[in-house]
Amino acid sequence: MPKLDVFPTPQPLSPEERTFVRYVANMSESDRKALAATQDQPITPLAIAAIQIQPLAPLDKSEN
């Protein structure tokens, strides 16, 4: 098996990636700086509050 020069082998951009490249290429300088500033923010874990679901009261059979 031949050794690859680059691993993993580069893939062509997806349609979504090409759209993003066109979008960024047409951005104003201030928008580009704002987007770049978001890259400098640390990634913090999401905190999801626990939920409690109270049991339903049984239906009164005489109401049917």
N, C-alpha and C. Protein backbone atom coordinates (compact mmCIF):
# COMPACT_ATOMS: atom_id res chain seq x y z
N MET A 1 0.86 -1.18 0.00
CA MET A 1 0.00 0.00 0.00
C MET A 1 0.90 1.24 0.00
N PRO A 2 0.71 2.15 -0.95
CA PRO A 2 1.57 3.34 -1.02
C PRO A 2 1.27 4.31 0.12
N LYS A 3 2.30 5.01 0.53
CA LYS A 3 2.16 6.01 1.59
C LYS A 3 1.62 7.30 0.97
N LEU A 4 0.62 7.90 1.64
CA LEU A 4 0.03 9.15 1.16
C LEU A 4 0.92 10.33 1.54
N ASP A 5 1.01 11.31 0.66
CA ASP A 5 1.76 12.52 0.97
C ASP A 5 1.07 13.33 2.05
N VAL A 6 -0.26 13.32 2.03
CA VAL A 6 -1.06 14.07 3.01
C VAL A 6 -2.10 13.12 3.57
N PHE A 7 -2.19 13.07 4.89
CA PHE A 7 -3.21 12.23 5.53
C PHE A 7 -3.95 13.07 6.55
N PRO A 8 -5.24 13.05 6.60
CA PRO A 8 -6.13 12.37 5.66
C PRO A 8 -6.16 13.10 4.33
N THR A 9 -6.56 12.40 3.32
CA THR A 9 -6.63 12.98 1.97
C THR A 9 -7.62 14.13 1.95
N PRO A 10 -7.20 15.32 1.47
CA PRO A 10 -8.13 16.46 1.43
C PRO A 10 -9.35 16.16 0.56
N GLN A 11 -10.48 16.62 0.99
CA GLN A 11 -11.73 16.44 0.26
C GLN A 11 -12.18 17.79 -0.30
N PRO A 12 -12.92 17.78 -1.40
CA PRO A 12 -13.45 19.05 -1.91
C PRO A 12 -14.42 19.66 -0.91
N LEU A 13 -14.56 20.97 -0.96
CA LEU A 13 -15.49 21.64 -0.06
C LEU A 13 -16.93 21.23 -0.36
N SER A 14 -17.71 21.11 0.70
CA SER A 14 -19.13 20.80 0.53
C SER A 14 -19.84 22.06 0.02
N PRO A 15 -21.06 21.92 -0.49
CA PRO A 15 -21.81 23.12 -0.93
C PRO A 15 -21.97 24.15 0.19
N GLU A 16 -22.16 23.69 1.42
CA GLU A 16 -22.31 24.60 2.55
C GLU A 16 -21.01 25.36 2.82
N GLU A 17 -19.88 24.64 2.74
CA GLU A 17 -18.58 25.28 2.95
C GLU A 17 -18.28 26.30 1.86
N ARG A 18 -18.61 25.97 0.60
CA ARG A 18 -18.40 26.93 -0.48
C ARG A 18 -19.26 28.18 -0.29
N THR A 19 -20.50 27.99 0.17
CA THR A 19 -21.38 29.13 0.44
C THR A 19 -20.78 30.01 1.53
N PHE A 20 -20.24 29.41 2.57
CA PHE A 20 -19.64 30.17 3.66
C PHE A 20 -18.42 30.95 3.17
N VAL A 21 -17.61 30.33 2.33
CA VAL A 21 -16.43 31.01 1.77
C VAL A 21 -16.87 32.24 0.97
N ARG A 22 -17.91 32.08 0.13
CA ARG A 22 -18.41 33.23 -0.64
C ARG A 22 -18.95 34.31 0.29
N TYR A 23 -19.66 33.90 1.35
CA TYR A 23 -20.23 34.85 2.31
C TYR A 23 -19.12 35.67 2.97
N VAL A 24 -18.10 35.00 3.46
CA VAL A 24 -17.01 35.69 4.15
C VAL A 24 -16.24 36.59 3.18
N ALA A 25 -16.08 36.14 1.94
CA ALA A 25 -15.35 36.95 0.96
C ALA A 25 -16.07 38.26 0.67
N ASN A 26 -17.38 38.30 0.83
CA ASN A 26 -18.15 39.51 0.55
C ASN A 26 -18.50 40.31 1.80
N MET A 27 -17.99 39.92 2.95
CA MET A 27 -18.28 40.64 4.20
C MET A 27 -17.54 41.97 4.25
N SER A 28 -18.12 42.89 5.00
CA SER A 28 -17.40 44.14 5.25
C SER A 28 -16.26 43.87 6.24
N GLU A 29 -15.31 44.76 6.28
CA GLU A 29 -14.16 44.59 7.18
C GLU A 29 -14.61 44.53 8.64
N SER A 30 -15.58 45.36 9.03
CA SER A 30 -16.03 45.36 10.43
C SER A 30 -16.73 44.04 10.77
N ASP A 31 -17.51 43.50 9.82
CA ASP A 31 -18.16 42.21 10.06
C ASP A 31 -17.13 41.09 10.16
N ARG A 32 -16.08 41.15 9.33
CA ARG A 32 -15.03 40.14 9.37
C ARG A 32 -14.30 40.18 10.71
N LYS A 33 -14.05 41.39 11.22
CA LYS A 33 -13.38 41.52 12.52
C LYS A 33 -14.28 40.99 13.64
N ALA A 34 -15.58 41.26 13.55
CA ALA A 34 -16.51 40.76 14.56
C ALA A 34 -16.55 39.23 14.55
N LEU A 35 -16.53 38.63 13.36
CA LEU A 35 -16.52 37.17 13.26
C LEU A 35 -15.22 36.61 13.83
N ALA A 36 -14.11 37.24 13.52
CA ALA A 36 -12.82 36.78 14.04
C ALA A 36 -12.77 36.90 15.55
N ALA A 37 -13.40 37.92 16.11
CA ALA A 37 -13.39 38.10 17.57
C ALA A 37 -14.12 36.96 18.27
N THR A 38 -15.12 36.38 17.63
CA THR A 38 -15.83 35.26 18.26
C THR A 38 -14.94 34.03 18.35
N GLN A 39 -13.93 33.94 17.50
CA GLN A 39 -13.03 32.79 17.52
C GLN A 39 -12.11 32.83 18.74
N ASP A 40 -11.92 34.02 19.33
CA ASP A 40 -11.01 34.16 20.47
C ASP A 40 -11.68 33.84 21.80
N GLN A 41 -12.99 33.63 21.80
CA GLN A 41 -13.70 33.37 23.04
C GLN A 41 -13.51 31.91 23.44
N PRO A 42 -13.31 31.66 24.74
CA PRO A 42 -13.13 30.28 25.17
C PRO A 42 -14.43 29.48 25.02
N ILE A 43 -14.27 28.21 24.76
CA ILE A 43 -15.43 27.34 24.66
C ILE A 43 -15.76 26.85 26.06
N THR A 44 -16.97 27.13 26.49
CA THR A 44 -17.40 26.71 27.82
C THR A 44 -18.46 25.63 27.69
N PRO A 45 -18.47 24.70 28.63
CA PRO A 45 -19.47 23.63 28.55
C PRO A 45 -20.88 24.18 28.79
N LEU A 46 -21.84 23.55 28.16
CA LEU A 46 -23.23 23.93 28.37
C LEU A 46 -23.69 23.45 29.74
N ALA A 47 -24.49 24.24 30.39
CA ALA A 47 -25.09 23.84 31.66
C ALA A 47 -26.59 23.69 31.44
N ILE A 48 -27.06 22.47 31.58
CA ILE A 48 -28.48 22.20 31.38
C ILE A 48 -29.08 21.86 32.73
N ALA A 49 -30.05 22.66 33.13
CA ALA A 49 -30.67 22.45 34.44
C ALA A 49 -31.48 21.15 34.42
N ALA A 50 -31.44 20.46 35.54
CA ALA A 50 -32.23 19.23 35.67
C ALA A 50 -33.71 19.59 35.73
N ILE A 51 -34.51 18.74 35.15
CA ILE A 51 -35.95 18.97 35.20
C ILE A 51 -36.60 17.90 36.06
N GLN A 52 -37.71 18.27 36.64
CA GLN A 52 -38.48 17.31 37.42
C GLN A 52 -39.89 17.31 36.86
N ILE A 53 -40.36 16.14 36.52
CA ILE A 53 -41.72 16.00 36.00
C ILE A 53 -42.54 15.28 37.06
N GLN A 54 -43.52 15.99 37.54
CA GLN A 54 -44.39 15.40 38.56
C GLN A 54 -45.32 14.39 37.91
N PRO A 55 -45.61 13.29 38.61
CA PRO A 55 -46.51 12.31 38.03
C PRO A 55 -47.92 12.87 37.90
N LEU A 56 -48.62 12.42 36.88
CA LEU A 56 -49.99 12.86 36.66
C LEU A 56 -50.93 12.15 37.64
N ALA A 57 -51.93 12.86 38.05
CA ALA A 57 -52.93 12.24 38.92
C ALA A 57 -53.79 11.33 38.05
N PRO A 58 -54.15 10.15 38.55
CA PRO A 58 -54.97 9.24 37.77
C PRO A 58 -56.34 9.84 37.50
N LEU A 59 -56.89 9.54 36.33
CA LEU A 59 -58.21 10.01 35.98
C LEU A 59 -59.26 9.26 36.81
N ASP A 60 -60.31 9.97 37.15
CA ASP A 60 -61.43 9.35 37.86
C ASP A 60 -62.21 8.55 36.84
N LYS A 61 -62.35 7.24 37.04
CA LYS A 61 -63.02 6.37 36.09
C LYS A 61 -64.48 6.75 35.87
N SER A 62 -65.09 7.41 36.83
CA SER A 62 -66.51 7.77 36.68
C SER A 62 -66.72 8.93 35.72
N GLU A 63 -65.65 9.65 35.35
CA GLU A 63 -65.77 10.80 34.45
C GLU A 63 -65.82 10.37 32.99
N ASN A 64 -65.51 9.12 32.67
CA ASN A 64 -65.50 8.68 31.28
C ASN A 64 -66.86 8.45 30.78
